[in-house]
Amino acid sequence: MVTDLAPPPSDPVALPPARRPGSVRRTSTVLMSWPGGLGTDLLLQGRARDLLTPVDGTPAVLVESELTALTGRERDIKRIESDPPVAGLDKLVGSRAGGNLRKSINAELSEQRENGTPLYLLLDDLAGATLISGFAMFRWAEVIPEIGERIKAGSQGRIMLGTCSGFREGSAALNPDGTLNHVSKNTVRTAPLDDPADPYSWHEVHPNPEIAMRRARRIDVWAEGDATVIDAMFRDSVWNPEGEEEVLHEYQMTGRADRATGILQEVEAIPRVLPYSECPLAAPNASWLVGTDITALRTEVLERLRSSDCCTHLNDALRSLAEVPVLAAALPR
């Protein structure tokens, strides 16, 4: 067992930072719910926005996108549409929301990836959102007996050893055979995403039904001399039976990239909320990405941060920084 570890972090950020004059902010959310009841198709409702805060004057929306998708029990896409509509999106129907889906997105919607659009961020999040959505069951298992029965009938015998930092050799979360011995209860109540004092702080989010989860992101960029400065966050949250939103995963990230070359000069990942004490051990490994072309982070993160050196949620957070140059291109000069 890994010893001398602090309890898992449980300190979500209460408010987004104030928008800086001369900055661009990208925000995105993906709401996960089951309109037909748990065990039926999963509805994913995504929304993303790029906002320019000029040095002087009124903030301006640069681009907005919405994505709606319905997936089956095998995480297969049954229906998908966007606003504004995008040609070729229907070719993703039938794809399974995992690594193969990302390959299909790159093949069928390559312009979205190449242009680093908000829609591409939402599409890329389908894989992670469908994977984590089932955690909502654990928050309702004591209230709805049917959910408890579904959990007991689930894949409790899956070997988790070595899949991430939290499930490293000796983790207190694992049985000796590598299977999970308990589901973390380290969820922390939090305030809404936006800043009530700033109507531009976030885009308008979808209202949540009673049983739901949400993935949220924020990326702020601004220029300092020859550098593009980055301040970002990543959060997965769930609503409990009392109607309170609780954070399950949250990272804060800061960094700098050379404006001319796009080379990542600094990056730090700060764990704010994570399930197990071993999870934060992956955070220092974000520095391994220094010297990387930031536009390559979608692939480089997966190549460099693997197995016990990675955190699935840290990887997801870092990969989204690949679009920082797109946001930086809109900065005032």
C-alpha atoms as a PDB file:
ATOM      1  CA  MET A   1       0.000   0.000   0.000  1.00  0.00           C
ATOM      2  CA  VAL A   2       1.174   3.524  -0.817  1.00  0.00           C
ATOM      3  CA  THR A   3       1.745   5.227   2.542  1.00  0.00           C
ATOM      4  CA  ASP A   4       2.103   8.755   3.950  1.00  0.00           C
ATOM      5  CA  LEU A   5      -0.378  10.243   1.503  1.00  0.00           C
ATOM      6  CA  ALA A   6      -2.660  13.138   2.316  1.00  0.00           C
ATOM      7  CA  PRO A   7      -6.432  12.718   1.944  1.00  0.00           C
ATOM      8  CA  PRO A   8      -7.666  13.329  -1.599  1.00  0.00           C
ATOM      9  CA  PRO A   9      -8.035  17.038  -2.453  1.00  0.00           C
ATOM     10  CA  SER A  10     -11.459  18.552  -1.826  1.00  0.00           C
ATOM     11  CA  ASP A  11     -11.118  22.270  -2.609  1.00  0.00           C
ATOM     12  CA  PRO A  12     -13.105  23.265  -5.728  1.00  0.00           C
ATOM     13  CA  VAL A  13     -12.688  26.812  -7.000  1.00  0.00           C
ATOM     14  CA  ALA A  14     -15.671  28.864  -5.842  1.00  0.00           C
ATOM     15  CA  LEU A  15     -15.756  31.395  -8.692  1.00  0.00           C
ATOM     16  CA  PRO A  16     -14.116  31.789 -12.086  1.00  0.00           C
ATOM     17  CA  PRO A  17     -11.366  34.431 -12.124  1.00  0.00           C
ATOM     18  CA  ALA A  18     -12.272  37.914 -13.272  1.00  0.00           C
ATOM     19  CA  ARG A  19     -11.967  38.296 -17.045  1.00  0.00           C
ATOM     20  CA  ARG A  20      -8.845  40.223 -18.019  1.00  0.00           C
ATOM     21  CA  PRO A  21      -9.006  43.120 -20.467  1.00  0.00           C
ATOM     22  CA  GLY A  22      -7.355  41.888 -23.665  1.00  0.00           C
ATOM     23  CA  SER A  23      -8.188  38.195 -23.203  1.00  0.00           C
ATOM     24  CA  VAL A  24     -10.198  35.409 -24.801  1.00  0.00           C
ATOM     25  CA  ARG A  25     -12.197  32.911 -22.757  1.00  0.00           C
ATOM     26  CA  ARG A  26     -13.505  29.574 -24.009  1.00  0.00           C
ATOM     27  CA  THR A  27     -16.133  27.859 -21.856  1.00  0.00           C
ATOM     28  CA  SER A  28     -17.841  24.558 -22.508  1.00  0.00           C
ATOM     29  CA  THR A  29     -20.312  22.266 -20.757  1.00  0.00           C
ATOM     30  CA  VAL A  30     -21.677  18.805 -21.498  1.00  0.00           C
ATOM     31  CA  LEU A  31     -24.773  17.798 -19.526  1.00  0.00           C
ATOM     32  CA  MET A  32     -25.442  14.057 -19.143  1.00  0.00           C
ATOM     33  CA  SER A  33     -28.953  12.781 -18.314  1.00  0.00           C
ATOM     34  CA  TRP A  34     -31.440   9.982 -18.959  1.00  0.00           C
ATOM     35  CA  PRO A  35     -34.811  11.401 -20.068  1.00  0.00           C
ATOM     36  CA  GLY A  36     -36.320   7.901 -20.195  1.00  0.00           C
ATOM     37  CA  GLY A  37     -34.918   6.938 -16.794  1.00  0.00           C
ATOM     38  CA  LEU A  38     -31.650   5.304 -15.773  1.00  0.00           C
ATOM     39  CA  GLY A  39     -30.819   2.324 -17.932  1.00  0.00           C
ATOM     40  CA  THR A  40     -32.237   4.005 -21.046  1.00  0.00           C
ATOM     41  CA  ASP A  41     -30.394   6.048 -23.680  1.00  0.00           C
ATOM     42  CA  LEU A  42     -28.004   8.742 -22.435  1.00  0.00           C
ATOM     43  CA  LEU A  43     -28.699  12.289 -23.606  1.00  0.00           C
ATOM     44  CA  LEU A  44     -25.681  14.583 -23.965  1.00  0.00           C
ATOM     45  CA  GLN A  45     -26.272  18.312 -24.349  1.00  0.00           C
ATOM     46  CA  GLY A  46     -23.178  20.359 -25.087  1.00  0.00           C
ATOM     47  CA  ARG A  47     -22.681  24.093 -25.337  1.00  0.00           C
ATOM     48  CA  ALA A  48     -19.474  26.087 -25.920  1.00  0.00           C
ATOM     49  CA  ARG A  49     -18.551  29.723 -26.470  1.00  0.00           C
ATOM     50  CA  ASP A  50     -15.475  31.829 -27.252  1.00  0.00           C
ATOM     51  CA  LEU A  51     -15.641  35.321 -25.768  1.00  0.00           C
ATOM     52  CA  LEU A  52     -13.305  38.240 -26.437  1.00  0.00           C
ATOM     53  CA  THR A  53     -12.845  40.741 -23.623  1.00  0.00           C
ATOM     54  CA  PRO A  54     -11.284  43.783 -25.336  1.00  0.00           C
ATOM     55  CA  VAL A  55      -8.991  46.232 -23.605  1.00  0.00           C
ATOM     56  CA  ASP A  56     -11.818  48.755 -23.907  1.00  0.00           C
ATOM     57  CA  GLY A  57     -15.454  48.271 -24.746  1.00  0.00           C
ATOM     58  CA  THR A  58     -18.067  45.533 -24.535  1.00  0.00           C
ATOM     59  CA  PRO A  59     -17.168  41.816 -24.591  1.00  0.00           C
ATOM     60  CA  ALA A  60     -17.891  40.134 -27.917  1.00  0.00           C
ATOM     61  CA  VAL A  61     -18.924  36.545 -28.626  1.00  0.00           C
ATOM     62  CA  LEU A  62     -16.588  35.191 -31.303  1.00  0.00           C
ATOM     63  CA  VAL A  63     -18.320  31.859 -31.884  1.00  0.00           C
ATOM     64  CA  GLU A  64     -20.893  29.626 -30.183  1.00  0.00           C
ATOM     65  CA  SER A  65     -21.766  25.978 -30.741  1.00  0.00           C
ATOM     66  CA  GLU A  66     -24.298  23.498 -29.415  1.00  0.00           C
ATOM     67  CA  LEU A  67     -24.220  19.714 -29.699  1.00  0.00           C
ATOM     68  CA  THR A  68     -26.919  17.175 -28.887  1.00  0.00           C
ATOM     69  CA  ALA A  69     -26.272  13.446 -28.958  1.00  0.00           C
ATOM     70  CA  LEU A  70     -28.097  10.298 -27.844  1.00  0.00           C
ATOM     71  CA  THR A  71     -26.082   7.182 -27.025  1.00  0.00           C
ATOM     72  CA  GLY A  72     -27.104   3.614 -26.227  1.00  0.00           C
ATOM     73  CA  ARG A  73     -25.925   1.238 -23.511  1.00  0.00           C
ATOM     74  CA  GLU A  74     -22.859   0.340 -25.578  1.00  0.00           C
ATOM     75  CA  ARG A  75     -21.985   4.063 -25.807  1.00  0.00           C
ATOM     76  CA  ASP A  76     -22.951   3.952 -29.486  1.00  0.00           C
ATOM     77  CA  ILE A  77     -24.218   7.173 -31.065  1.00  0.00           C
ATOM     78  CA  LYS A  78     -27.857   6.847 -32.105  1.00  0.00           C
ATOM     79  CA  ARG A  79     -28.524  10.487 -32.926  1.00  0.00           C
ATOM     80  CA  ILE A  80     -26.345  13.578 -33.181  1.00  0.00           C
ATOM     81  CA  GLU A  81     -26.905  17.168 -34.335  1.00  0.00           C
ATOM     82  CA  SER A  82     -25.353  20.572 -33.882  1.00  0.00           C
ATOM     83  CA  ASP A  83     -26.321  24.221 -33.950  1.00  0.00           C
ATOM     84  CA  PRO A  84     -25.175  25.705 -36.263  1.00  0.00           C
ATOM     85  CA  PRO A  85     -25.529  22.541 -38.397  1.00  0.00           C
ATOM     86  CA  VAL A  86     -22.311  20.963 -39.680  1.00  0.00           C
ATOM     87  CA  ALA A  87     -22.120  18.774 -42.768  1.00  0.00           C
ATOM     88  CA  GLY A  88     -20.893  15.244 -42.118  1.00  0.00           C
ATOM     89  CA  LEU A  89     -21.959  15.078 -38.479  1.00  0.00           C
ATOM     90  CA  ASP A  90     -24.490  12.349 -39.235  1.00  0.00           C
ATOM     91  CA  LYS A  91     -21.631  10.081 -40.337  1.00  0.00           C
ATOM     92  CA  LEU A  92     -20.801   9.602 -36.644  1.00  0.00           C
ATOM     93  CA  VAL A  93     -24.067   7.730 -36.048  1.00  0.00           C
ATOM     94  CA  GLY A  94     -23.216   4.157 -35.101  1.00  0.00           C
ATOM     95  CA  SER A  95     -19.758   5.016 -33.800  1.00  0.00           C
ATOM     96  CA  ARG A  96     -18.976   3.959 -30.240  1.00  0.00           C
ATOM     97  CA  ALA A  97     -18.014   6.822 -27.914  1.00  0.00           C
ATOM     98  CA  GLY A  98     -14.403   5.915 -27.174  1.00  0.00           C
ATOM     99  CA  GLY A  99     -11.107   5.989 -29.020  1.00  0.00           C
ATOM    100  CA  ASN A 100     -12.795   4.814 -32.221  1.00  0.00           C
ATOM    101  CA  LEU A 101     -15.178   7.773 -32.086  1.00  0.00           C
ATOM    102  CA  ARG A 102     -12.230  10.178 -31.951  1.00  0.00           C
ATOM    103  CA  LYS A 103     -10.813   8.494 -35.047  1.00  0.00           C
ATOM    104  CA  SER A 104     -14.160   8.918 -36.802  1.00  0.00           C
ATOM    105  CA  ILE A 105     -14.321  12.597 -35.812  1.00  0.00           C
ATOM    106  CA  ASN A 106     -10.846  13.193 -37.214  1.00  0.00           C
ATOM    107  CA  ALA A 107     -11.714  11.381 -40.430  1.00  0.00           C
ATOM    108  CA  GLU A 108     -15.180  12.828 -41.067  1.00  0.00           C
ATOM    109  CA  LEU A 109     -14.815  16.280 -39.493  1.00  0.00           C
ATOM    110  CA  SER A 110     -11.141  17.059 -39.945  1.00  0.00           C
ATOM    111  CA  GLU A 111     -11.828  20.776 -40.482  1.00  0.00           C
ATOM    112  CA  GLN A 112     -13.287  21.041 -37.001  1.00  0.00           C
ATOM    113  CA  ARG A 113     -10.095  19.653 -35.477  1.00  0.00           C
ATOM    114  CA  GLU A 114      -7.764  21.641 -37.722  1.00  0.00           C
ATOM    115  CA  ASN A 115      -9.606  24.864 -36.875  1.00  0.00           C
ATOM    116  CA  GLY A 116      -9.809  24.075 -33.158  1.00  0.00           C
ATOM    117  CA  THR A 117     -13.491  24.930 -33.024  1.00  0.00           C
ATOM    118  CA  PRO A 118     -15.702  24.877 -29.928  1.00  0.00           C
ATOM    119  CA  LEU A 119     -17.735  22.158 -31.642  1.00  0.00           C
ATOM    120  CA  TYR A 120     -14.624  19.979 -31.895  1.00  0.00           C
ATOM    121  CA  LEU A 121     -14.095  20.320 -28.139  1.00  0.00           C
ATOM    122  CA  LEU A 122     -17.674  19.171 -27.517  1.00  0.00           C
ATOM    123  CA  LEU A 123     -17.298  16.249 -29.924  1.00  0.00           C
ATOM    124  CA  ASP A 124     -14.043  15.157 -28.297  1.00  0.00           C
ATOM    125  CA  ASP A 125     -15.760  15.230 -24.890  1.00  0.00           C
ATOM    126  CA  LEU A 126     -18.362  12.650 -25.910  1.00  0.00           C
ATOM    127  CA  ALA A 127     -15.933   9.830 -25.136  1.00  0.00           C
ATOM    128  CA  GLY A 128     -15.154  10.986 -21.601  1.00  0.00           C
ATOM    129  CA  ALA A 129     -18.704  12.058 -20.808  1.00  0.00           C
ATOM    130  CA  THR A 130     -20.235   8.698 -21.707  1.00  0.00           C
ATOM    131  CA  LEU A 131     -17.545   6.974 -19.636  1.00  0.00           C
ATOM    132  CA  ILE A 132     -18.087   8.911 -16.391  1.00  0.00           C
ATOM    133  CA  SER A 133     -21.859   9.368 -16.624  1.00  0.00           C
ATOM    134  CA  GLY A 134     -22.583   6.179 -14.695  1.00  0.00           C
ATOM    135  CA  PHE A 135     -21.193   7.713 -11.509  1.00  0.00           C
ATOM    136  CA  ALA A 136     -24.598   9.354 -11.073  1.00  0.00           C
ATOM    137  CA  MET A 137     -25.888   5.916 -10.092  1.00  0.00           C
ATOM    138  CA  PHE A 138     -23.672   5.779  -7.017  1.00  0.00           C
ATOM    139  CA  ARG A 139     -25.084   9.053  -5.682  1.00  0.00           C
ATOM    140  CA  TRP A 140     -28.638   7.689  -5.956  1.00  0.00           C
ATOM    141  CA  ALA A 141     -28.123   4.016  -5.039  1.00  0.00           C
ATOM    142  CA  GLU A 142     -29.394   4.455  -1.467  1.00  0.00           C
ATOM    143  CA  VAL A 143     -32.507   6.306  -2.630  1.00  0.00           C
ATOM    144  CA  ILE A 144     -33.615   4.187  -5.597  1.00  0.00           C
ATOM    145  CA  PRO A 145     -33.323   0.405  -4.961  1.00  0.00           C
ATOM    146  CA  GLU A 146     -33.294  -0.337  -8.696  1.00  0.00           C
ATOM    147  CA  ILE A 147     -30.018   1.590  -9.024  1.00  0.00           C
ATOM    148  CA  GLY A 148     -28.405  -0.386  -6.206  1.00  0.00           C
ATOM    149  CA  GLU A 149     -29.385  -3.612  -7.941  1.00  0.00           C
ATOM    150  CA  ARG A 150     -27.888  -2.412 -11.233  1.00  0.00           C
ATOM    151  CA  ILE A 151     -24.605  -1.582  -9.512  1.00  0.00           C
ATOM    152  CA  LYS A 152     -24.395  -5.027  -7.906  1.00  0.00           C
ATOM    153  CA  ALA A 153     -24.983  -6.627 -11.292  1.00  0.00           C
ATOM    154  CA  GLY A 154     -22.258  -4.485 -12.892  1.00  0.00           C
ATOM    155  CA  SER A 155     -18.642  -5.270 -13.772  1.00  0.00           C
ATOM    156  CA  GLN A 156     -17.247  -5.310 -10.240  1.00  0.00           C
ATOM    157  CA  GLY A 157     -14.562  -7.810 -11.197  1.00  0.00           C
ATOM    158  CA  ARG A 158     -12.757  -5.568 -13.689  1.00  0.00           C
ATOM    159  CA  ILE A 159      -8.991  -5.329 -13.115  1.00  0.00           C
ATOM    160  CA  MET A 160      -8.140  -1.645 -12.600  1.00  0.00           C
ATOM    161  CA  LEU A 161      -4.488  -2.001 -11.563  1.00  0.00           C
ATOM    162  CA  GLY A 162      -2.171   0.236 -13.562  1.00  0.00           C
ATOM    163  CA  THR A 163      -4.852   2.067 -15.526  1.00  0.00           C
ATOM    164  CA  CYS A 164      -4.036   5.424 -13.881  1.00  0.00           C
ATOM    165  CA  SER A 165      -2.267   7.057 -10.948  1.00  0.00           C
ATOM    166  CA  GLY A 166      -5.172   6.405  -8.595  1.00  0.00           C
ATOM    167  CA  PHE A 167      -5.019   2.687  -9.356  1.00  0.00           C
ATOM    168  CA  ARG A 168      -1.248   2.270  -9.143  1.00  0.00           C
ATOM    169  CA  GLU A 169       0.443  -0.667  -7.412  1.00  0.00           C
ATOM    170  CA  GLY A 170      -0.362  -0.515  -3.688  1.00  0.00           C
ATOM    171  CA  SER A 171      -3.325   1.872  -4.035  1.00  0.00           C
ATOM    172  CA  ALA A 172      -5.712   1.804  -1.077  1.00  0.00           C
ATOM    173  CA  ALA A 173      -8.554   1.883  -3.621  1.00  0.00           C
ATOM    174  CA  LEU A 174      -7.729  -1.636  -4.893  1.00  0.00           C
ATOM    175  CA  ASN A 175      -8.055  -5.187  -3.657  1.00  0.00           C
ATOM    176  CA  PRO A 176      -4.949  -7.409  -3.815  1.00  0.00           C
ATOM    177  CA  ASP A 177      -6.182  -8.831  -7.136  1.00  0.00           C
ATOM    178  CA  GLY A 178      -6.365  -5.345  -8.702  1.00  0.00           C
ATOM    179  CA  THR A 179     -10.139  -4.942  -8.591  1.00  0.00           C
ATOM    180  CA  LEU A 180     -11.765  -1.863  -7.083  1.00  0.00           C
ATOM    181  CA  ASN A 181     -12.567  -2.253  -3.375  1.00  0.00           C
ATOM    182  CA  HIS A 182     -14.661   0.891  -2.970  1.00  0.00           C
ATOM    183  CA  VAL A 183     -16.082   3.828  -4.885  1.00  0.00           C
ATOM    184  CA  SER A 184     -14.798   7.173  -3.638  1.00  0.00           C
ATOM    185  CA  LYS A 185     -17.151   9.347  -1.614  1.00  0.00           C
ATOM    186  CA  ASN A 186     -14.891  12.388  -1.952  1.00  0.00           C
ATOM    187  CA  THR A 187     -17.429  14.605  -3.698  1.00  0.00           C
ATOM    188  CA  VAL A 188     -17.611  18.237  -2.628  1.00  0.00           C
ATOM    189  CA  ARG A 189     -20.545  20.637  -2.819  1.00  0.00           C
ATOM    190  CA  THR A 190     -19.904  23.646  -5.021  1.00  0.00           C
ATOM    191  CA  ALA A 191     -21.404  26.903  -6.209  1.00  0.00           C
ATOM    192  CA  PRO A 192     -22.661  27.420  -9.787  1.00  0.00           C
ATOM    193  CA  LEU A 193     -20.039  27.798 -12.521  1.00  0.00           C
ATOM    194  CA  ASP A 194     -20.630  31.444 -13.267  1.00  0.00           C
ATOM    195  CA  ASP A 195     -19.804  34.604 -11.343  1.00  0.00           C
ATOM    196  CA  PRO A 196     -23.104  36.277 -10.336  1.00  0.00           C
ATOM    197  CA  ALA A 197     -21.392  39.663 -10.566  1.00  0.00           C
ATOM    198  CA  ASP A 198     -20.333  39.088 -14.201  1.00  0.00           C
ATOM    199  CA  PRO A 199     -23.026  38.145 -16.756  1.00  0.00           C
ATOM    200  CA  TYR A 200     -20.282  37.345 -19.305  1.00  0.00           C
ATOM    201  CA  SER A 201     -18.330  34.968 -17.053  1.00  0.00           C
ATOM    202  CA  TRP A 202     -19.897  31.813 -18.596  1.00  0.00           C
ATOM    203  CA  HIS A 203     -22.241  30.916 -21.384  1.00  0.00           C
ATOM    204  CA  GLU A 204     -25.809  30.019 -20.428  1.00  0.00           C
ATOM    205  CA  VAL A 205     -25.755  26.408 -19.264  1.00  0.00           C
ATOM    206  CA  HIS A 206     -28.458  23.785 -19.783  1.00  0.00           C
ATOM    207  CA  PRO A 207     -30.764  23.330 -16.781  1.00  0.00           C
ATOM    208  CA  ASN A 208     -30.162  19.991 -15.113  1.00  0.00           C
ATOM    209  CA  PRO A 209     -32.796  17.352 -14.409  1.00  0.00           C
ATOM    210  CA  GLU A 210     -32.823  15.635 -11.022  1.00  0.00           C
ATOM    211  CA  ILE A 211     -30.374  12.841 -11.948  1.00  0.00           C
ATOM    212  CA  ALA A 212     -27.538  14.224 -14.068  1.00  0.00           C
ATOM    213  CA  MET A 213     -23.819  14.906 -14.406  1.00  0.00           C
ATOM    214  CA  ARG A 214     -21.912  17.712 -16.104  1.00  0.00           C
ATOM    215  CA  ARG A 215     -18.436  18.215 -17.542  1.00  0.00           C
ATOM    216  CA  ALA A 216     -17.296  21.839 -17.645  1.00  0.00           C
ATOM    217  CA  ARG A 217     -14.209  23.584 -18.982  1.00  0.00           C
ATOM    218  CA  ARG A 218     -12.814  27.105 -19.010  1.00  0.00           C
ATOM    219  CA  ILE A 219      -9.698  28.286 -20.861  1.00  0.00           C
ATOM    220  CA  ASP A 220      -8.512  31.893 -20.524  1.00  0.00           C
ATOM    221  CA  VAL A 221      -5.642  33.175 -22.688  1.00  0.00           C
ATOM    222  CA  TRP A 222      -3.923  36.557 -22.891  1.00  0.00           C
ATOM    223  CA  ALA A 223      -0.595  37.943 -24.083  1.00  0.00           C
ATOM    224  CA  GLU A 224       2.364  38.985 -21.950  1.00  0.00           C
ATOM    225  CA  GLY A 225       5.304  40.077 -24.052  1.00  0.00           C
ATOM    226  CA  ASP A 226       6.265  37.219 -26.347  1.00  0.00           C
ATOM    227  CA  ALA A 227       4.203  34.665 -24.412  1.00  0.00           C
ATOM    228  CA  THR A 228       0.633  33.454 -24.473  1.00  0.00           C
ATOM    229  CA  VAL A 229      -0.491  32.963 -20.868  1.00  0.00           C
ATOM    230  CA  ILE A 230      -2.996  30.232 -19.974  1.00  0.00           C
ATOM    231  CA  ASP A 231      -5.346  29.858 -17.009  1.00  0.00           C
ATOM    232  CA  ALA A 232      -7.754  26.925 -17.275  1.00  0.00           C
ATOM    233  CA  MET A 233     -10.031  24.622 -15.321  1.00  0.00           C
ATOM    234  CA  PHE A 234     -11.681  21.216 -15.783  1.00  0.00           C
ATOM    235  CA  ARG A 235     -14.576  19.913 -13.688  1.00  0.00           C
ATOM    236  CA  ASP A 236     -16.863  16.883 -13.537  1.00  0.00           C
ATOM    237  CA  SER A 237     -19.848  17.264 -11.241  1.00  0.00           C
ATOM    238  CA  VAL A 238     -22.987  15.372 -10.191  1.00  0.00           C
ATOM    239  CA  TRP A 239     -26.253  16.294  -8.486  1.00  0.00           C
ATOM    240  CA  ASN A 240     -27.113  14.472  -5.260  1.00  0.00           C
ATOM    241  CA  PRO A 241     -30.625  13.473  -4.118  1.00  0.00           C
ATOM    242  CA  GLU A 242     -30.874  16.746  -2.181  1.00  0.00           C
ATOM    243  CA  GLY A 243     -30.472  18.682  -5.427  1.00  0.00           C
ATOM    244  CA  GLU A 244     -26.966  19.944  -4.595  1.00  0.00           C
ATOM    245  CA  GLU A 245     -24.188  19.965  -7.161  1.00  0.00           C
ATOM    246  CA  GLU A 246     -21.055  18.102  -6.067  1.00  0.00           C
ATOM    247  CA  VAL A 247     -17.629  18.061  -7.723  1.00  0.00           C
ATOM    248  CA  LEU A 248     -16.087  14.675  -8.482  1.00  0.00           C
ATOM    249  CA  HIS A 249     -13.020  15.763 -10.498  1.00  0.00           C
ATOM    250  CA  GLU A 250     -11.461  19.201 -10.796  1.00  0.00           C
ATOM    251  CA  TYR A 251      -8.111  20.519 -12.007  1.00  0.00           C
ATOM    252  CA  GLN A 252      -6.791  24.041 -12.309  1.00  0.00           C
ATOM    253  CA  MET A 253      -4.044  24.572 -14.912  1.00  0.00           C
ATOM    254  CA  THR A 254      -1.682  27.415 -15.657  1.00  0.00           C
ATOM    255  CA  GLY A 255       0.943  27.725 -18.366  1.00  0.00           C
ATOM    256  CA  ARG A 256       2.817  29.814 -20.920  1.00  0.00           C
ATOM    257  CA  ALA A 257       3.598  29.218 -24.577  1.00  0.00           C
ATOM    258  CA  ASP A 258       5.830  31.095 -26.992  1.00  0.00           C
ATOM    259  CA  ARG A 259       3.551  33.197 -29.193  1.00  0.00           C
ATOM    260  CA  ALA A 260       5.722  32.859 -32.281  1.00  0.00           C
ATOM    261  CA  THR A 261       6.517  29.136 -32.179  1.00  0.00           C
ATOM    262  CA  GLY A 262       3.690  27.713 -30.062  1.00  0.00           C
ATOM    263  CA  ILE A 263       6.169  25.825 -27.872  1.00  0.00           C
ATOM    264  CA  LEU A 264       4.895  25.170 -24.365  1.00  0.00           C
ATOM    265  CA  GLN A 265       7.284  26.881 -21.935  1.00  0.00           C
ATOM    266  CA  GLU A 266       5.559  26.209 -18.614  1.00  0.00           C
ATOM    267  CA  VAL A 267       2.612  24.151 -17.403  1.00  0.00           C
ATOM    268  CA  GLU A 268       1.325  23.309 -13.936  1.00  0.00           C
ATOM    269  CA  ALA A 269      -1.669  21.184 -12.979  1.00  0.00           C
ATOM    270  CA  ILE A 270      -3.235  21.803  -9.575  1.00  0.00           C
ATOM    271  CA  PRO A 271      -5.575  19.064  -8.290  1.00  0.00           C
ATOM    272  CA  ARG A 272      -8.639  20.626  -6.644  1.00  0.00           C
ATOM    273  CA  VAL A 273     -10.932  17.577  -6.233  1.00  0.00           C
ATOM    274  CA  LEU A 274     -10.048  13.948  -6.995  1.00  0.00           C
ATOM    275  CA  PRO A 275     -11.406  10.583  -5.803  1.00  0.00           C
ATOM    276  CA  TYR A 276      -8.396   8.901  -4.177  1.00  0.00           C
ATOM    277  CA  SER A 277      -5.239   9.932  -2.309  1.00  0.00           C
ATOM    278  CA  GLU A 278      -3.048   8.468  -5.053  1.00  0.00           C
ATOM    279  CA  CYS A 279      -4.704  10.464  -7.849  1.00  0.00           C
ATOM    280  CA  PRO A 280      -2.718  13.731  -7.344  1.00  0.00           C
ATOM    281  CA  LEU A 281       0.590  11.896  -7.817  1.00  0.00           C
ATOM    282  CA  ALA A 282       0.123  12.306 -11.588  1.00  0.00           C
ATOM    283  CA  ALA A 283      -0.150  16.105 -11.485  1.00  0.00           C
ATOM    284  CA  PRO A 284       3.614  16.892 -11.471  1.00  0.00           C
ATOM    285  CA  ASN A 285       3.974  14.833 -14.656  1.00  0.00           C
ATOM    286  CA  ALA A 286       2.249  17.614 -16.599  1.00  0.00           C
ATOM    287  CA  SER A 287       5.689  19.262 -16.699  1.00  0.00           C
ATOM    288  CA  TRP A 288       6.851  16.474 -19.027  1.00  0.00           C
ATOM    289  CA  LEU A 289       4.981  18.338 -21.775  1.00  0.00           C
ATOM    290  CA  VAL A 290       7.218  21.428 -21.583  1.00  0.00           C
ATOM    291  CA  GLY A 291       8.959  21.890 -24.937  1.00  0.00           C
ATOM    292  CA  THR A 292       6.024  20.408 -26.863  1.00  0.00           C
ATOM    293  CA  ASP A 293       4.307  22.196 -29.735  1.00  0.00           C
ATOM    294  CA  ILE A 294       1.063  23.091 -27.982  1.00  0.00           C
ATOM    295  CA  THR A 295      -1.005  22.231 -31.064  1.00  0.00           C
ATOM    296  CA  ALA A 296       0.170  18.609 -30.698  1.00  0.00           C
ATOM    297  CA  LEU A 297      -1.159  18.140 -27.158  1.00  0.00           C
ATOM    298  CA  ARG A 298      -4.163  16.112 -28.317  1.00  0.00           C
ATOM    299  CA  THR A 299      -1.770  13.276 -29.166  1.00  0.00           C
ATOM    300  CA  GLU A 300       1.328  14.082 -27.096  1.00  0.00           C
ATOM    301  CA  VAL A 301      -0.530  13.919 -23.782  1.00  0.00           C
ATOM    302  CA  LEU A 302      -1.690  10.382 -24.538  1.00  0.00           C
ATOM    303  CA  GLU A 303       1.798   9.350 -25.628  1.00  0.00           C
ATOM    304  CA  ARG A 304       3.692  10.813 -22.662  1.00  0.00           C
ATOM    305  CA  LEU A 305       1.261  10.393 -19.760  1.00  0.00           C
ATOM    306  CA  ARG A 306       0.263   6.756 -19.608  1.00  0.00           C
ATOM    307  CA  SER A 307      -0.600   4.014 -17.123  1.00  0.00           C
ATOM    308  CA  SER A 308       0.273   4.926 -13.526  1.00  0.00           C
ATOM    309  CA  ASP A 309       1.933   8.153 -14.683  1.00  0.00           C
ATOM    310  CA  CYS A 310      -1.385   9.559 -15.870  1.00  0.00           C
ATOM    311  CA  CYS A 311      -4.729  10.645 -14.512  1.00  0.00           C
ATOM    312  CA  THR A 312      -7.550  10.175 -16.990  1.00  0.00           C
ATOM    313  CA  HIS A 313      -9.058  13.527 -16.035  1.00  0.00           C
ATOM    314  CA  LEU A 314      -5.729  15.345 -16.044  1.00  0.00           C
ATOM    315  CA  ASN A 315      -5.100  13.982 -19.542  1.00  0.00           C
ATOM    316  CA  ASP A 316      -8.516  15.229 -20.674  1.00  0.00           C
ATOM    317  CA  ALA A 317      -7.811  18.629 -19.152  1.00  0.00           C
ATOM    318  CA  LEU A 318      -4.388  18.990 -20.770  1.00  0.00           C
ATOM    319  CA  ARG A 319      -5.444  17.795 -24.208  1.00  0.00           C
ATOM    320  CA  SER A 320      -7.917  20.665 -24.573  1.00  0.00           C
ATOM    321  CA  LEU A 321      -5.042  23.170 -24.377  1.00  0.00           C
ATOM    322  CA  ALA A 322      -4.147  22.209 -27.963  1.00  0.00           C
ATOM    323  CA  GLU A 323      -6.630  24.850 -29.119  1.00  0.00           C
ATOM    324  CA  VAL A 324      -4.958  27.695 -27.190  1.00  0.00           C
ATOM    325  CA  PRO A 325      -3.328  29.094 -30.386  1.00  0.00           C
ATOM    326  CA  VAL A 326      -6.795  29.400 -31.956  1.00  0.00           C
ATOM    327  CA  LEU A 327      -7.919  31.537 -29.027  1.00  0.00           C
ATOM    328  CA  ALA A 328      -4.649  33.496 -28.997  1.00  0.00           C
ATOM    329  CA  ALA A 329      -5.115  34.380 -32.671  1.00  0.00           C
ATOM    330  CA  ALA A 330      -8.136  36.455 -31.668  1.00  0.00           C
ATOM    331  CA  LEU A 331      -6.238  38.495 -29.082  1.00  0.00           C
ATOM    332  CA  PRO A 332      -5.829  42.216 -29.728  1.00  0.00           C
ATOM    333  CA  ARG A 333      -2.350  43.181 -30.862  1.00  0.00           C
END
